[in-house]
Protein backbone atom coordinates (compact mmCIF):
# COMPACT_ATOMS: atom_id res chain seq x y z
CA MET A 1 136.39 89.56 118.12
CA VAL A 2 133.71 91.51 116.27
CA ALA A 3 130.24 90.11 115.77
CA ARG A 4 127.80 91.60 113.30
CA THR A 5 123.98 91.64 112.91
CA HIS A 6 121.95 93.67 110.64
CA THR A 7 118.90 95.96 111.41
CA VAL A 8 117.28 99.29 109.74
CA SER A 9 116.88 103.00 110.49
CA PHE A 10 113.51 104.58 109.18
CA GLN A 11 113.84 108.09 107.32
CA GLY A 12 110.33 108.29 106.67
CA ILE A 13 109.34 105.50 104.79
CA LYS A 14 112.67 105.09 103.48
CA ILE A 15 114.89 102.49 105.11
CA GLN A 16 118.30 103.01 105.85
CA ASP A 17 121.09 99.85 106.70
CA ILE A 18 122.31 99.79 110.15
CA ASP A 19 125.54 97.49 110.73
CA VAL A 20 125.37 96.40 114.45
CA GLN A 21 128.82 95.67 115.57
CA VAL A 22 129.64 94.07 118.97
CA HIS A 23 133.06 94.10 120.31
CA ILE A 24 134.42 92.47 123.49
CA ALA A 25 137.70 93.13 124.81
CA SER A 26 139.74 92.80 127.59
CA GLY A 27 139.54 95.94 130.20
CA LEU A 28 137.12 97.47 132.88
CA PRO A 29 133.96 95.98 132.62
CA GLY A 30 131.52 98.21 130.72
CA PHE A 31 128.66 98.23 128.21
CA THR A 32 128.75 101.17 125.91
CA ILE A 33 126.50 101.73 122.91
CA VAL A 34 127.93 104.35 120.20
CA GLY A 35 126.76 105.62 117.10
CA LEU A 36 123.97 108.63 117.78
CA PRO A 37 121.81 106.25 119.79
CA ASP A 38 118.90 108.07 121.30
CA LYS A 39 117.18 107.52 124.86
CA ALA A 40 115.44 104.30 123.81
CA VAL A 41 118.67 103.03 122.17
CA GLY A 42 120.64 103.87 125.16
CA GLU A 43 118.28 101.90 127.71
CA SER A 44 118.69 98.96 125.21
CA ARG A 45 121.59 97.42 127.36
CA GLU A 46 119.75 97.20 130.47
CA ARG A 47 116.85 95.58 128.63
CA VAL A 48 119.44 93.37 127.01
CA ARG A 49 121.17 92.61 130.46
CA ALA A 50 118.23 91.56 131.84
CA ALA A 51 116.76 89.16 129.21
CA LEU A 52 120.15 87.25 128.98
CA THR A 53 120.17 87.17 132.64
CA ALA A 54 116.52 85.77 132.70
CA LEU A 55 117.84 82.97 130.21
CA GLY A 56 120.61 82.17 132.81
CA LEU A 57 123.39 83.96 130.64
CA SER A 58 125.63 86.76 132.15
CA LEU A 59 127.38 89.15 130.42
CA PRO A 60 131.30 88.54 130.42
CA ALA A 61 133.41 90.70 132.81
CA SER A 62 134.94 92.76 129.86
CA ARG A 63 134.43 95.82 127.93
CA ILE A 64 131.65 95.82 125.62
CA THR A 65 131.08 98.23 122.79
CA VAL A 66 128.08 98.25 120.33
CA ASN A 67 128.44 100.45 117.53
CA LEU A 68 125.58 101.27 115.20
CA ALA A 69 127.08 102.20 111.95
CA PRO A 70 126.97 104.47 109.90
CA ALA A 71 127.78 106.44 113.13
CA ASP A 72 126.76 110.02 112.05
CA VAL A 73 122.79 108.82 111.63
CA SER A 74 120.45 109.09 114.59
CA LYS A 75 119.43 105.87 115.94
CA GLU A 76 115.95 105.95 117.47
CA GLY A 77 113.64 103.50 118.61
CA SER A 78 113.51 100.08 120.74
CA HIS A 79 113.53 97.88 117.72
CA TYR A 80 117.33 97.78 118.10
CA ASP A 81 117.14 95.65 121.37
CA LEU A 82 117.09 92.16 119.38
CA PRO A 83 120.13 93.04 116.95
CA ILE A 84 122.10 93.97 120.03
CA ALA A 85 121.31 91.00 121.70
CA LEU A 86 122.01 88.41 118.71
CA GLY A 87 125.56 90.35 118.05
CA LEU A 88 126.51 89.91 121.82
CA LEU A 89 125.20 86.35 121.56
CA ALA A 90 127.35 85.63 118.75
CA ALA A 91 130.35 87.36 120.05
CA MET A 92 129.65 85.24 123.39
CA ASN A 93 129.93 81.94 120.94
CA VAL A 94 126.17 81.22 122.31
CA ILE A 95 125.00 81.06 118.63
CA PRO A 96 127.26 81.11 115.41
CA SER A 97 127.66 84.30 113.85
CA GLU A 98 127.25 82.91 110.34
CA GLU A 99 123.91 82.40 111.04
CA ILE A 100 122.98 85.93 111.60
CA GLU A 101 124.65 87.50 108.85
CA ASN A 102 121.73 87.18 106.29
CA TYR A 103 119.13 88.50 108.35
CA VAL A 104 117.81 91.82 109.20
CA ALA A 105 116.47 91.98 112.91
CA LEU A 106 114.22 94.31 115.01
CA GLY A 107 112.34 93.80 117.84
CA GLU A 108 112.13 94.66 121.65
CA LEU A 109 113.16 92.81 124.31
CA SER A 110 111.27 92.43 127.50
CA LEU A 111 113.08 91.77 131.08
CA ASP A 112 112.16 88.21 130.72
CA GLY A 113 113.61 87.43 127.35
CA ALA A 114 110.09 87.98 125.66
CA LEU A 115 109.88 89.69 122.22
CA ARG A 116 107.46 92.65 121.96
CA SER A 117 106.50 93.98 118.55
CA VAL A 118 107.59 97.33 117.49
CA ALA A 119 106.52 99.77 114.73
CA GLY A 120 108.06 99.77 110.85
CA ILE A 121 107.91 95.82 110.54
CA LEU A 122 106.20 96.08 107.37
CA PRO A 123 108.69 98.46 105.56
CA ALA A 124 111.79 96.51 107.13
CA ALA A 125 110.27 93.16 105.62
CA ILE A 126 109.95 94.57 102.10
CA HIS A 127 113.60 96.17 102.22
CA ALA A 128 115.03 92.85 103.64
CA ASN A 129 113.12 91.03 100.78
CA ALA A 130 114.71 93.69 98.09
CA HIS A 131 117.99 92.75 99.31
CA GLU A 132 117.84 89.12 99.05
CA LYS A 133 118.05 88.60 103.47
CA GLY A 134 115.72 86.90 105.77
CA LEU A 135 113.89 88.78 108.56
CA ILE A 136 113.71 88.05 112.46
CA CYS A 137 111.08 89.60 114.10
CA PRO A 138 108.58 89.18 117.34
CA LYS A 139 105.81 86.57 116.64
CA ASP A 140 103.08 89.32 117.13
CA GLY A 141 104.46 91.44 114.21
CA ALA A 142 105.18 88.57 111.86
CA GLY A 143 101.49 89.11 110.07
CA GLU A 144 102.84 92.55 108.37
CA ALA A 145 106.06 90.60 107.16
CA CYS A 146 104.23 88.18 105.58
CA TRP A 147 103.11 90.90 103.16
CA ALA A 148 106.44 91.70 101.90
CA GLY A 149 106.51 88.62 99.56
CA GLU A 150 106.21 85.02 99.45
CA ASP A 151 109.70 84.19 99.25
CA LEU A 152 110.73 86.10 102.22
CA GLU A 153 112.14 84.14 105.08
CA ILE A 154 110.51 84.99 108.34
CA LEU A 155 111.90 83.95 111.71
CA ALA A 156 109.29 84.92 114.12
CA PRO A 157 109.92 83.63 117.71
CA LYS A 158 107.98 84.48 121.01
CA SER A 159 111.04 84.88 122.98
CA LEU A 160 114.77 84.98 122.72
CA LEU A 161 115.15 81.53 123.97
CA GLU A 162 113.36 80.17 121.15
CA LEU A 163 115.42 82.02 118.59
CA ILE A 164 118.77 80.61 120.19
CA ASN A 165 117.33 77.01 120.22
CA HIS A 166 116.25 77.50 116.62
CA PHE A 167 120.08 78.52 115.71
CA LYS A 168 121.32 75.78 117.65
CA GLY A 169 119.20 73.31 116.14
CA THR A 170 117.14 72.13 119.11
CA GLN A 171 114.01 73.83 118.09
CA VAL A 172 112.73 74.67 114.64
CA LEU A 173 110.60 77.65 114.07
CA SER A 174 107.73 77.31 111.74
CA PRO A 175 106.93 80.03 109.28
CA PRO A 176 104.15 82.39 110.40
CA THR A 177 100.82 82.51 108.22
CA ILE A 178 98.71 85.14 107.17
CA LYS A 179 95.53 84.92 109.14
CA SER A 180 93.31 87.32 107.33
CA SER A 181 93.86 89.93 104.42
CA VAL A 182 92.04 92.63 105.66
CA PRO A 183 90.60 93.50 109.00
CA GLU A 184 87.13 93.49 109.85
CA THR A 185 85.05 96.60 109.39
CA GLY A 186 81.59 97.43 109.39
CA PRO A 187 79.59 99.23 106.26
CA LEU A 188 80.55 102.74 105.38
CA PRO A 189 78.14 105.52 105.67
CA ASP A 190 75.86 105.45 102.76
CA PHE A 191 74.55 108.58 100.62
CA LYS A 192 71.01 107.34 100.96
CA ASP A 193 71.23 108.83 104.44
CA ILE A 194 71.43 112.35 102.89
CA LYS A 195 67.93 114.51 102.61
CA GLY A 196 68.20 116.84 99.67
CA GLN A 197 71.50 118.49 98.90
CA GLU A 198 71.35 117.56 95.16
CA SER A 199 73.82 120.01 94.44
CA ALA A 200 76.34 118.95 96.90
CA ARG A 201 75.74 115.43 96.06
CA ARG A 202 76.62 115.84 92.68
CA ALA A 203 79.76 117.91 93.76
CA MET A 204 80.70 114.93 95.75
CA GLU A 205 80.63 112.70 93.01
CA ILE A 206 82.49 114.78 90.49
CA ALA A 207 85.19 115.17 93.42
CA ALA A 208 85.40 111.46 93.58
CA ALA A 209 85.43 110.68 90.06
CA GLY A 210 88.38 113.05 89.51
CA GLY A 211 90.21 112.98 92.96
CA HIS A 212 89.46 116.68 92.96
CA ASN A 213 89.61 118.79 96.41
CA ILE A 214 86.43 120.21 97.76
CA LEU A 215 85.24 122.78 99.96
CA LEU A 216 81.77 122.85 101.32
CA ILE A 217 80.31 126.33 102.49
CA GLY A 218 76.82 125.87 104.49
CA PRO A 219 75.14 126.87 107.83
CA PRO A 220 75.34 124.31 110.68
CA GLY A 221 72.88 121.52 110.41
CA SER A 222 73.12 121.57 106.66
CA GLY A 223 75.01 118.12 106.40
CA LYS A 224 78.26 118.82 105.22
CA SER A 225 79.85 116.56 107.91
CA MET A 226 77.54 113.81 106.68
CA LEU A 227 78.48 114.45 103.16
CA ALA A 228 82.22 114.24 103.74
CA ALA A 229 82.06 111.18 105.95
CA ARG A 230 80.13 109.33 102.81
CA LEU A 231 82.89 110.23 100.39
CA PRO A 232 84.66 107.14 101.04
CA SER A 233 81.63 104.80 100.37
CA ILE A 234 82.21 106.12 96.60
CA LEU A 235 85.71 106.13 96.11
CA PRO A 236 87.19 102.81 94.46
CA SER A 237 89.04 100.46 96.68
CA MET A 238 92.86 100.56 96.46
CA GLY A 239 94.82 98.34 94.58
CA VAL A 240 98.14 96.30 95.90
CA GLU A 241 100.28 99.02 95.28
CA GLU A 242 98.41 101.92 96.92
CA THR A 243 97.43 99.31 100.08
CA LEU A 244 101.47 98.88 100.35
CA GLU A 245 102.06 102.42 100.12
CA VAL A 246 99.46 103.23 103.10
CA SER A 247 100.31 100.32 105.12
CA GLN A 248 103.92 101.07 105.46
CA ILE A 249 102.98 104.43 106.74
CA HIS A 250 100.66 103.04 109.24
CA SER A 251 103.12 100.51 110.15
CA ILE A 252 105.68 103.06 110.96
CA ALA A 253 103.21 104.90 113.03
CA GLY A 254 102.29 101.85 114.77
CA MET A 255 98.97 101.63 113.54
CA LEU A 256 98.52 98.21 112.01
CA THR A 257 96.87 95.51 114.34
CA ASP A 258 97.51 91.74 114.00
CA GLY A 259 99.04 92.44 110.81
CA LYS A 260 95.94 93.01 108.97
CA LEU A 261 96.05 95.47 105.93
CA THR A 262 93.07 97.25 104.60
CA THR A 263 91.97 97.99 101.13
CA THR A 264 89.67 100.99 102.68
CA ARG A 265 90.87 104.30 101.60
CA PRO A 266 91.97 106.36 104.94
CA PHE A 267 89.61 108.72 106.25
CA ARG A 268 91.13 111.37 108.68
CA ASP A 269 89.22 114.09 110.27
CA PRO A 270 91.66 115.64 113.04
CA HIS A 271 89.81 118.21 115.45
CA HIS A 272 90.48 121.90 114.64
CA SER A 273 92.64 122.18 117.77
CA ALA A 274 95.24 120.07 116.20
CA SER A 275 98.76 121.45 116.22
CA LEU A 276 101.28 121.92 113.29
CA PRO A 277 103.46 118.60 114.14
CA ALA A 278 100.04 116.87 114.34
CA LEU A 279 98.95 117.79 110.90
CA VAL A 280 102.54 117.63 109.10
CA GLY A 281 104.26 115.26 111.17
CA GLY A 282 107.18 115.72 113.64
CA GLY A 283 108.26 115.34 116.93
CA THR A 284 111.27 114.20 118.14
CA LYS A 285 111.21 110.98 116.06
CA ALA A 286 109.54 112.36 113.08
CA LYS A 287 106.56 110.51 113.00
CA PRO A 288 103.97 110.91 110.07
CA GLY A 289 101.24 113.41 110.77
CA GLU A 290 97.68 113.43 109.37
CA ILE A 291 98.40 114.50 106.16
CA SER A 292 100.49 111.44 105.46
CA LEU A 293 98.18 109.22 107.48
CA ALA A 294 95.59 110.25 104.70
CA HIS A 295 97.74 109.23 102.10
CA ASN A 296 95.82 107.67 98.96
CA GLY A 297 92.47 108.68 100.97
CA VAL A 298 90.51 111.61 102.14
CA LEU A 299 91.80 114.31 105.00
CA PHE A 300 88.47 116.14 106.26
CA LEU A 301 89.11 119.29 107.74
CA ASP A 302 85.66 120.49 109.55
CA GLU A 303 85.21 123.95 110.82
CA LEU A 304 88.18 124.98 108.31
CA PRO A 305 88.55 128.70 109.67
CA GLU A 306 89.05 127.45 113.30
CA PHE A 307 92.12 125.83 112.46
CA SER A 308 95.48 127.62 113.04
CA ARG A 309 96.69 129.86 110.28
CA GLN A 310 100.11 128.17 110.50
CA GLY A 311 98.55 124.72 110.14
CA LEU A 312 96.32 125.48 107.25
CA GLU A 313 99.10 127.25 105.52
CA SER A 314 101.23 124.19 105.62
CA LEU A 315 98.82 122.36 103.74
CA ARG A 316 99.61 124.23 100.48
CA GLN A 317 103.01 122.33 99.75
CA PRO A 318 101.60 119.26 100.11
CA LEU A 319 98.69 119.75 97.79
CA GLU A 320 100.92 120.53 94.97
CA SER A 321 103.81 118.03 95.49
CA LYS A 322 101.93 115.16 96.87
CA SER A 323 104.51 114.44 99.44
CA VAL A 324 105.63 116.15 102.97
CA THR A 325 109.21 116.85 104.19
CA ILE A 326 109.87 117.11 107.77
CA ALA A 327 113.22 119.45 108.22
CA ARG A 328 115.23 118.77 111.39
CA ALA A 329 118.68 120.01 112.17
CA ASN A 330 120.13 116.29 111.58
CA ALA A 331 117.79 114.94 109.16
CA HIS A 332 115.11 115.54 106.46
CA VAL A 333 112.29 113.21 106.49
CA THR A 334 109.93 112.77 103.47
CA TYR A 335 106.54 111.13 103.72
CA PRO A 336 104.09 110.48 100.82
CA ALA A 337 101.00 112.82 101.28
CA ASN A 338 98.67 112.16 98.07
CA ILE A 339 95.46 113.32 99.67
CA GLN A 340 91.82 114.38 98.67
CA LEU A 341 91.19 117.33 100.89
CA VAL A 342 87.76 117.79 101.93
CA THR A 343 87.07 120.85 103.92
CA ALA A 344 83.96 122.41 105.51
CA MET A 345 83.08 125.56 107.19
CA ASN A 346 80.34 128.10 108.06
CA PRO A 347 79.78 131.24 106.15
CA CYS A 348 80.35 133.39 108.83
CA TYR A 349 80.80 133.61 112.66
CA CYS A 350 77.30 133.27 113.64
CA GLY A 351 76.58 130.08 111.52
CA ASN A 352 74.18 132.38 109.47
CA PRO A 353 71.31 129.33 109.07
CA GLU A 354 68.99 131.39 106.90
CA ASN A 355 70.82 132.85 103.78
CA ILE A 356 74.41 132.00 103.18
CA LYS A 357 74.96 135.51 101.17
CA ASN A 358 73.55 137.31 104.05
CA CYS A 359 74.09 137.93 107.79
CA GLY A 360 72.34 139.82 110.55
CA LYS A 361 75.46 141.29 111.92
CA GLY A 362 76.28 142.76 108.52
CA LYS A 363 78.59 141.89 105.39
CA GLY A 364 81.51 142.20 107.65
CA CYS A 365 80.83 139.27 109.63
CA ILE A 366 81.12 137.01 106.75
CA GLN A 367 84.41 138.79 105.21
CA LYS A 368 86.06 138.60 108.40
CA TYR A 369 85.53 134.99 109.13
CA GLN A 370 86.13 133.82 105.41
CA ALA A 371 89.28 136.00 105.37
CA LYS A 372 90.95 133.46 107.93
CA ILE A 373 91.73 131.26 105.05
CA SER A 374 94.25 132.71 102.59
CA GLU A 375 93.63 133.17 98.96
CA PRO A 376 96.35 130.55 97.59
CA LEU A 377 94.50 127.94 100.00
CA TYR A 378 91.51 128.67 98.52
CA ASP A 379 92.83 128.54 95.15
CA ARG A 380 94.14 125.10 95.64
CA ILE A 381 90.94 123.75 96.33
CA ASP A 382 88.89 122.58 92.92
CA ILE A 383 85.26 122.57 93.76
CA HIS A 384 83.60 125.43 96.11
CA ILE A 385 80.18 124.40 96.61
CA GLU A 386 77.37 126.13 98.73
CA VAL A 387 75.33 123.79 101.17
CA PRO A 388 72.27 125.70 101.83
CA ALA A 389 70.26 124.61 104.86
CA VAL A 390 67.80 121.53 104.67
CA THR A 391 64.10 122.62 104.62
CA PRO A 392 61.24 120.58 105.98
CA LYS A 393 60.09 119.31 102.66
CA ASP A 394 63.78 117.80 102.38
CA LEU A 395 63.15 116.09 105.69
CA VAL A 396 59.90 114.21 104.63
CA GLY A 397 60.22 110.75 102.78
CA HIS A 398 62.03 107.53 103.33
CA VAL A 399 65.64 106.87 103.33
CA GLY A 400 65.15 104.57 100.51
CA GLU A 401 64.11 107.28 98.19
CA ASN A 402 67.69 108.72 97.78
CA GLU A 403 70.45 107.26 95.49
CA SER A 404 72.44 104.92 97.61
CA SER A 405 76.41 105.06 97.53
CA GLU A 406 76.39 101.78 95.29
CA SER A 407 74.69 103.36 92.38
CA ILE A 408 76.77 106.77 92.49
CA LYS A 409 80.30 104.49 92.87
CA SER A 410 79.28 102.53 89.75
CA ARG A 411 79.70 105.94 87.86
CA VAL A 412 82.49 106.86 89.58
CA LEU A 413 84.24 103.63 88.81
CA LEU A 414 83.43 104.10 85.05
CA ALA A 415 85.20 107.61 85.35
CA ARG A 416 87.87 106.39 86.93
CA ASN A 417 88.52 103.51 84.28
CA LYS A 418 88.60 106.07 81.81
CA GLN A 419 91.15 107.93 83.34
CA SER A 420 93.27 104.75 84.17
CA GLN A 421 93.17 103.76 80.43
CA ARG A 422 94.09 107.60 79.33
CA TYR A 423 96.87 108.10 82.01
CA GLN A 424 98.25 104.57 81.97
CA ASP A 425 101.71 105.63 80.02
CA VAL A 426 101.92 109.09 82.17
CA LYS A 427 104.06 108.91 85.26
CA ASN A 428 102.64 110.06 88.76
CA VAL A 429 98.83 110.55 87.32
CA ARG A 430 96.18 108.76 88.31
CA THR A 431 93.23 110.96 88.31
CA ASN A 432 92.31 114.11 86.32
CA ALA A 433 93.15 115.92 89.43
CA ASP A 434 96.96 114.99 89.05
CA ILE A 435 97.15 116.31 85.36
CA GLU A 436 99.90 119.24 84.82
CA GLY A 437 101.48 120.72 81.81
CA GLU A 438 101.25 118.96 78.40
CA VAL A 439 99.33 116.34 79.54
CA LEU A 440 96.79 118.78 80.61
CA GLU A 441 96.82 120.75 77.08
CA LYS A 442 96.56 117.13 75.35
CA PHE A 443 93.65 115.74 77.35
CA ALA A 444 91.73 118.47 78.95
CA SER A 445 91.50 121.08 75.81
CA PRO A 446 87.83 122.13 75.40
CA ASN A 447 86.34 122.79 71.80
CA GLN A 448 86.21 126.13 70.60
CA GLU A 449 83.03 127.24 72.09
CA GLY A 450 84.01 125.77 75.42
CA LYS A 451 87.52 128.02 74.98
CA GLU A 452 85.56 130.89 74.35
CA LEU A 453 83.28 130.80 77.47
CA LEU A 454 85.98 129.82 79.56
CA MET A 455 88.40 132.60 78.26
CA LYS A 456 85.11 135.17 78.98
CA ALA A 457 84.66 134.03 82.32
CA ALA A 458 88.44 134.24 83.43
CA GLU A 459 88.45 137.70 82.42
CA GLU A 460 85.11 138.38 84.14
CA PHE A 461 85.55 136.67 87.33
CA GLY A 462 89.63 137.59 87.51
CA LEU A 463 90.60 133.57 87.60
CA SER A 464 94.26 132.91 88.65
CA ALA A 465 96.39 130.86 86.25
CA ARG A 466 95.57 127.96 88.81
CA SER A 467 91.93 128.55 89.06
CA TYR A 468 92.04 128.33 85.07
CA PHE A 469 93.44 125.17 85.11
CA LYS A 470 91.31 123.82 87.94
CA VAL A 471 88.29 124.22 85.95
CA LEU A 472 89.74 122.52 82.92
CA LYS A 473 90.50 119.78 85.20
CA VAL A 474 86.75 119.77 86.85
CA ALA A 475 85.52 120.01 83.37
CA ARG A 476 87.46 116.75 82.24
CA THR A 477 85.87 114.77 85.03
CA ILE A 478 82.36 116.02 84.27
CA ALA A 479 82.76 114.91 80.75
CA ASP A 480 84.17 111.44 82.06
CA LEU A 481 81.29 111.35 84.05
CA ALA A 482 79.24 111.77 80.95
CA GLY A 483 80.81 109.31 79.11
CA GLU A 484 82.18 111.89 76.33
CA GLU A 485 85.67 112.33 75.00
CA GLU A 486 85.18 116.08 74.24
CA ILE A 487 85.29 118.93 76.54
CA THR A 488 82.16 121.28 75.55
CA ALA A 489 80.59 124.45 76.83
CA ILE A 490 78.26 122.36 79.10
CA HIS A 491 81.10 120.94 80.82
CA ILE A 492 82.83 124.20 81.12
CA SER A 493 79.97 125.99 82.54
CA GLU A 494 79.10 123.48 85.16
CA ALA A 495 82.68 123.53 86.16
CA LEU A 496 82.85 127.34 86.57
CA GLY A 497 79.88 126.97 88.48
CA TYR A 498 82.23 125.45 91.21
CA ARG A 499 84.32 128.31 91.25
CA ARG A 500 81.72 131.05 91.47
CA GLN A 501 81.83 130.51 95.43
CA LYS A 502 85.29 132.55 95.56
CA SER A 503 83.34 135.68 94.76
CA LEU A 504 81.99 135.51 98.46
CA LEU A 505 85.22 134.39 99.85
């Protein structure tokens, strides 16, 4: 007899159906799992054996074979425990096999039969709902599954015994409920804490309004990290679609707690010692890295030149394609990576707190330090802004005298609303930073005076084609913040000001 249950395999945030087939036949007693299982899946037989023993059940003295089909797809993770146990129970006639055919099951078994939560419940629930199946998962992870849809049937037992009693009709599992829509978080850092730095504040507002990448260059203590940390406070909250995208990635990474989702955009700030797999993603299980964990949010790289050259160059492709592909010998895993990159760096090795354009060690100190970043990466950053040292005059006064994040956010939202209306019929475009090709020509072409200024500047500064289009995108955002539909020479002039830093790099 062959009993079947269903579970899933995670290929990034994409889901593949896995058919768990359990066969009990005569022969020498044994328990074999086939179908390219990894170490955690191979150890399932011991957890399943112990859990059944704890319930007073023993495996038959027969040859037991568990096949995870398709057999040429690698199976990773402990979430195969529950479907294997259910298949065994059906094959042993403990529970009716037809009862489990319309469910997707995942969960880890403890040796006493209790169920432990696993990563990836949210994307598995969305997949099950899309295929009109129910979901069986541990009670601790049921909060995630509830977000997949009101029509999804969810069985969330605390233990394997509760699930057996439910299928036998001696106990009824009540459907789980959502405890809270979002986790409790404290107030975000506010821009009113920033002293001075009017130019940098303006650049951060433009970056937030258009979704532009930004580079902050300045001496230590000038407030670069403070500015970056306050960017999320002026960004619009995520919509339902964006929230689910982010939550699926965080679910696979095992970062969701108590089944609570958040509308706050991610803000990831890895240390400069982070390895390539930590940034891009990878490892034996191809987990998402910092780039994907910052999807629909902000990735902040402080002390930019101190990151490894290989790690920095790995950013170039995601910044263009909005996705990360992790290539392995047996699989290619793709994660979304629609990030807003914020970077900060000192002008040179010694920090140079007095003058960003001069250094006591000579001009070579600046050139050598800033040359650690490749020109193609600089080119992909829309805004370069100098953050000078804060003067004592800037430090005098009260915090309340500075403009708050709430006030800046109101202008950002108005600009974002203009972009939403403008690009509502354009696929994969949400902000001005996303526009390319014909869309760029249609919506970001300046008037004649603006074109002449841009052409003259492009020849004088030697702008690349990418830099040329970056200027147009930033100018489009500046015009949106000003409430103007036409891009004029004034907007082009300000946008060019955010490219002049390239002459120092």
